[in-house]
Structure formats: structure tokens, C-alpha cells
Amino acid sequence: MAGKNGACLMALALLLGACSSRIALNEASFPIQDLPVQHLVQTPVAYSFAPGFARQNAQIACSLGVNYTTDLGASAEERLQQAIHSSFAHAQQETPPSHGYTLALSLQTADEQVSVKGGMWDNKYTVDTTLKGTVQVLNAQGQPVQVVPITGQGSNTVAGSCGALKRAMVQASEKAVAQIGNDFVAKVANGHVLN
């Protein structure tokens, strides 16, 4: 009997071995009014994202081979676009202004780590999400003026099964994405980098 149950569990594990799920974050989780904009910068700016920015993601495997992948880069790019358009009166993507600045945004780190604490009936998952990027400020001649580091951190703990791990990933990721947008506003727009 135990051999039969073991074979069933093994078959289930093999069946689920190729199972993966993409996690798209909800854009409504990043309301524009939550950005800490202190004033509208009048300096004209163009902005661009490094190739591959939106494709960066993080992956965590749950038990039985279920993998969750969070689309961190795409969500961070959307949040940073919100931050740029909320902070700068004259912002446009790609085309550099003749008398303003260009903001070149890159994302070096999009990472999620999970720690699992086993319990009697379920597991306790703690997910930590880290986003690290830079904003390179270029003058109208294309010369670097300043490089500003931007970061986002998020953490969340939940108890339960693999579904709980997915919820923890979503909530930690949403916090990190919101924070990287806030960090951009605080350091670049409110920090008077372009004034």
C-alpha cells in the first residue's frame, strides 16, 4: 500500500515538475497620488530604459516543482514612467530635448528571496524583494552629469501552502516596485538634480 501511495506522489511530482506560473503585478497597486512629488520640475527631459529593463524577473520554486515568476522589470518600468510624468512638466520618451536633459534608466538587480519555516500544518513563507537601478543624467550634449542610484525593497510573510507563497511574492513585489518609484521622485525630482 505504501508503495502505491509513494508511486502516486512521485507521479504527481513529475506531473507538476514542469508547472510554472507568471505573476503580473496589479497596476492599481501603485496609485499616482502615493508618489511623494513636492513640486513639478519645469526642466525639459527625455527618458529611456535600458534594453531588457522590462524583461527582468525573479523566480522562486515551491515544493513539488511549482515555479513562480514575478514580472518585476515591466512593473518597475510602469511605476517609473508614472514617477517621471508626475514629476516633470515636459517629459517625453526617447527624443532628447535640444536644451534639457536625458534620463537613462537601468535596472541592475531584480531579485526575490524566500525563507521557509515549516509548521505542523503549513509553512510560513517570508519573501524579500530587491530592486536596484540607476538613473544616468545626461546634458543636452549627451555628456554625463550625474548617476543617481534608485532602490526598492519589499518584504512580506504569510502562512499556508504554495498559494500563500504566491501571495507573499505579489505583496513583497508591489512594495518594492512602489518604493523604487518613490525613490526616483525623492532623489531625482525632489532632490533638485536637474535645477
Protein backbone atom coordinates (compact mmCIF):
# COMPACT_ATOMS: atom_id res chain seq x y z
CA MET A 1 0.00 0.00 0.00
CA ALA A 2 2.79 2.44 0.91
CA GLY A 3 4.49 1.65 -2.39
CA LYS A 4 1.33 2.52 -4.29
CA ASN A 5 0.92 5.84 -2.44
CA GLY A 6 4.59 6.61 -2.98
CA ALA A 7 4.22 5.92 -6.71
CA CYS A 8 1.18 8.22 -6.85
CA LEU A 9 3.07 11.02 -5.12
CA MET A 10 6.03 10.51 -7.46
CA ALA A 11 3.74 10.68 -10.50
CA LEU A 12 2.15 13.86 -9.13
CA ALA A 13 5.57 15.41 -8.57
CA LEU A 14 6.61 14.54 -12.14
CA LEU A 15 3.36 15.94 -13.49
CA LEU A 16 3.84 19.19 -11.57
CA GLY A 17 7.57 19.31 -12.30
CA ALA A 18 7.05 21.43 -15.38
CA CYS A 19 4.39 23.62 -13.77
CA SER A 20 5.11 27.33 -13.66
CA SER A 21 3.08 30.45 -13.12
CA ARG A 22 3.81 34.04 -14.13
CA ILE A 23 2.85 36.73 -11.65
CA ALA A 24 1.84 40.05 -13.17
CA LEU A 25 1.54 42.81 -10.61
CA ASN A 26 -1.61 44.92 -10.46
CA GLU A 27 -1.01 48.46 -11.75
CA ALA A 28 -3.75 49.71 -9.39
CA SER A 29 -1.39 48.83 -6.52
CA PHE A 30 0.75 51.84 -7.48
CA PRO A 31 -1.52 54.90 -7.33
CA ILE A 32 0.00 58.09 -8.70
CA GLN A 33 -1.14 60.07 -5.65
CA ASP A 34 1.18 57.95 -3.47
CA LEU A 35 4.26 59.42 -5.18
CA PRO A 36 5.96 61.98 -2.89
CA VAL A 37 6.05 64.77 -5.53
CA GLN A 38 6.87 68.11 -3.87
CA HIS A 39 6.95 70.29 -6.99
CA LEU A 40 6.62 69.97 -10.77
CA VAL A 41 10.03 70.28 -12.41
CA GLN A 42 9.87 72.57 -15.47
CA THR A 43 13.20 71.47 -16.99
CA PRO A 44 12.55 69.52 -20.24
CA VAL A 45 13.61 65.88 -20.06
CA ALA A 46 13.63 62.84 -22.28
CA TYR A 47 13.88 59.39 -20.75
CA SER A 48 14.76 55.92 -21.90
CA PHE A 49 15.00 52.48 -20.36
CA ALA A 50 17.98 50.19 -20.93
CA PRO A 51 17.37 47.25 -23.29
CA GLY A 52 15.94 44.32 -21.35
CA PHE A 53 14.71 46.50 -18.45
CA ALA A 54 11.10 45.30 -18.75
CA ARG A 55 12.09 41.64 -19.19
CA GLN A 56 13.80 41.30 -15.81
CA ASN A 57 12.01 38.97 -13.46
CA ALA A 58 12.55 36.85 -10.39
CA GLN A 59 11.69 33.20 -9.94
CA ILE A 60 11.02 31.16 -6.80
CA ALA A 61 10.33 27.43 -6.74
CA CYS A 62 7.76 25.98 -4.38
CA SER A 63 7.51 22.35 -3.32
CA LEU A 64 6.72 19.70 -5.94
CA GLY A 65 8.47 21.72 -8.62
CA VAL A 66 5.98 24.59 -8.97
CA ASN A 67 7.81 27.75 -10.10
CA TYR A 68 6.51 31.30 -9.71
CA THR A 69 7.97 34.08 -11.86
CA THR A 70 7.31 37.72 -10.98
CA ASP A 71 7.44 40.29 -13.79
CA LEU A 72 9.39 42.86 -11.79
CA GLY A 73 11.02 44.75 -14.67
CA ALA A 74 7.78 45.54 -16.52
CA SER A 75 6.08 46.73 -13.33
CA ALA A 76 9.09 48.81 -12.28
CA GLU A 77 9.19 50.42 -15.73
CA GLU A 78 5.48 51.35 -15.49
CA ARG A 79 5.96 52.80 -12.00
CA LEU A 80 8.99 54.83 -13.08
CA GLN A 81 7.05 56.21 -16.06
CA GLN A 82 4.34 57.30 -13.60
CA ALA A 83 7.01 58.94 -11.45
CA ILE A 84 8.60 60.77 -14.38
CA HIS A 85 5.32 62.14 -15.75
CA SER A 86 4.14 63.14 -12.26
CA SER A 87 7.39 64.98 -11.51
CA PHE A 88 8.34 66.63 -14.81
CA ALA A 89 6.08 69.02 -16.71
CA HIS A 90 7.90 68.43 -20.01
CA ALA A 91 8.84 64.75 -20.16
CA GLN A 92 8.96 62.70 -23.33
CA GLN A 93 10.23 59.23 -24.06
CA GLU A 94 13.32 58.71 -26.22
CA THR A 95 13.73 62.00 -28.18
CA PRO A 96 16.32 64.16 -26.35
CA PRO A 97 15.34 67.82 -25.94
CA SER A 98 17.66 70.38 -27.53
CA HIS A 99 18.09 72.31 -24.28
CA GLY A 100 17.21 69.88 -21.50
CA TYR A 101 18.37 66.59 -20.05
CA THR A 102 18.06 62.90 -20.78
CA LEU A 103 17.38 60.34 -18.07
CA ALA A 104 18.77 56.88 -18.89
CA LEU A 105 17.26 54.32 -16.52
CA SER A 106 18.70 50.87 -15.94
CA LEU A 107 17.83 48.02 -13.60
CA GLN A 108 20.81 46.03 -12.31
CA THR A 109 19.01 43.88 -9.73
CA ALA A 110 15.54 42.33 -9.71
CA ASP A 111 15.67 39.65 -7.04
CA GLU A 112 13.37 37.76 -4.71
CA GLN A 113 14.47 35.54 -1.85
CA VAL A 114 12.25 33.28 0.20
CA SER A 115 12.78 31.75 3.61
CA VAL A 116 10.51 28.92 4.70
CA LYS A 117 9.73 27.95 8.26
CA GLY A 118 7.92 24.61 8.42
CA GLY A 119 4.96 24.20 10.69
CA MET A 120 2.72 21.35 11.78
CA TRP A 121 0.02 22.02 9.17
CA ASP A 122 1.51 24.59 6.82
CA ASN A 123 4.62 26.59 6.06
CA LYS A 124 5.44 30.18 6.90
CA TYR A 125 6.94 31.99 3.88
CA THR A 126 8.88 35.25 4.09
CA VAL A 127 9.65 36.85 0.74
CA ASP A 128 12.13 39.71 0.34
CA THR A 129 12.14 41.58 -2.97
CA THR A 130 15.01 43.87 -4.02
CA LEU A 131 15.19 46.23 -6.97
CA LYS A 132 18.36 48.24 -7.64
CA GLY A 133 18.84 50.57 -10.55
CA THR A 134 20.43 53.79 -11.68
CA VAL A 135 19.35 56.96 -13.39
CA GLN A 136 22.13 58.44 -15.51
CA VAL A 137 21.51 62.13 -16.16
CA LEU A 138 22.91 63.41 -19.47
CA ASN A 139 23.01 67.05 -20.58
CA ALA A 140 21.79 68.26 -23.99
CA GLN A 141 25.19 67.39 -25.50
CA GLY A 142 24.90 63.81 -24.23
CA GLN A 143 27.56 64.23 -21.56
CA PRO A 144 27.00 62.51 -18.18
CA VAL A 145 26.12 64.95 -15.43
CA GLN A 146 25.26 62.61 -12.56
CA VAL A 147 24.38 58.99 -11.77
CA VAL A 148 21.67 58.53 -9.17
CA PRO A 149 21.10 55.10 -7.57
CA ILE A 150 17.46 54.11 -7.03
CA THR A 151 16.22 51.19 -4.96
CA GLY A 152 13.06 49.41 -3.92
CA GLN A 153 12.69 46.91 -1.09
CA GLY A 154 9.66 44.89 -0.10
CA SER A 155 9.02 42.11 2.37
CA ASN A 156 6.00 40.05 3.32
CA THR A 157 5.32 36.99 5.47
CA VAL A 158 2.35 34.63 5.10
CA ALA A 159 1.46 31.15 6.26
CA GLY A 160 -0.05 28.46 4.09
CA SER A 161 0.74 26.37 1.02
CA CYS A 162 2.27 27.31 -2.34
CA GLY A 163 -0.68 29.67 -2.91
CA ALA A 164 0.45 31.57 0.18
CA LEU A 165 3.95 31.82 -1.26
CA LYS A 166 2.48 33.38 -4.39
CA ARG A 167 0.56 35.96 -2.29
CA ALA A 168 3.72 36.79 -0.35
CA MET A 169 5.62 37.30 -3.62
CA VAL A 170 2.94 39.61 -5.00
CA GLN A 171 2.78 41.75 -1.87
CA ALA A 172 6.57 41.99 -1.42
CA SER A 173 7.00 42.81 -5.12
CA GLU A 174 4.31 45.50 -5.06
CA LYS A 175 6.04 47.17 -2.11
CA ALA A 176 9.42 47.11 -3.88
CA VAL A 177 8.01 48.48 -7.14
CA ALA A 178 6.15 51.27 -5.35
CA GLN A 179 9.31 52.15 -3.40
CA ILE A 180 11.59 52.38 -6.47
CA GLY A 181 9.19 54.95 -7.96
CA ASN A 182 9.15 56.89 -4.69
CA ASP A 183 12.95 56.75 -4.53
CA PHE A 184 13.19 58.19 -8.05
CA VAL A 185 10.93 61.11 -7.11
CA ALA A 186 12.77 61.79 -3.85
CA LYS A 187 16.27 61.69 -5.35
CA VAL A 188 15.82 62.98 -8.90
CA ALA A 189 12.79 65.31 -8.89
CA ASN A 190 12.64 66.50 -5.28
CA GLY A 191 16.43 66.29 -4.97
CA HIS A 192 16.91 69.14 -7.47
CA VAL A 193 19.26 67.08 -9.65
CA LEU A 194 18.18 68.99 -12.79
CA ASN A 195 17.87 72.51 -11.36
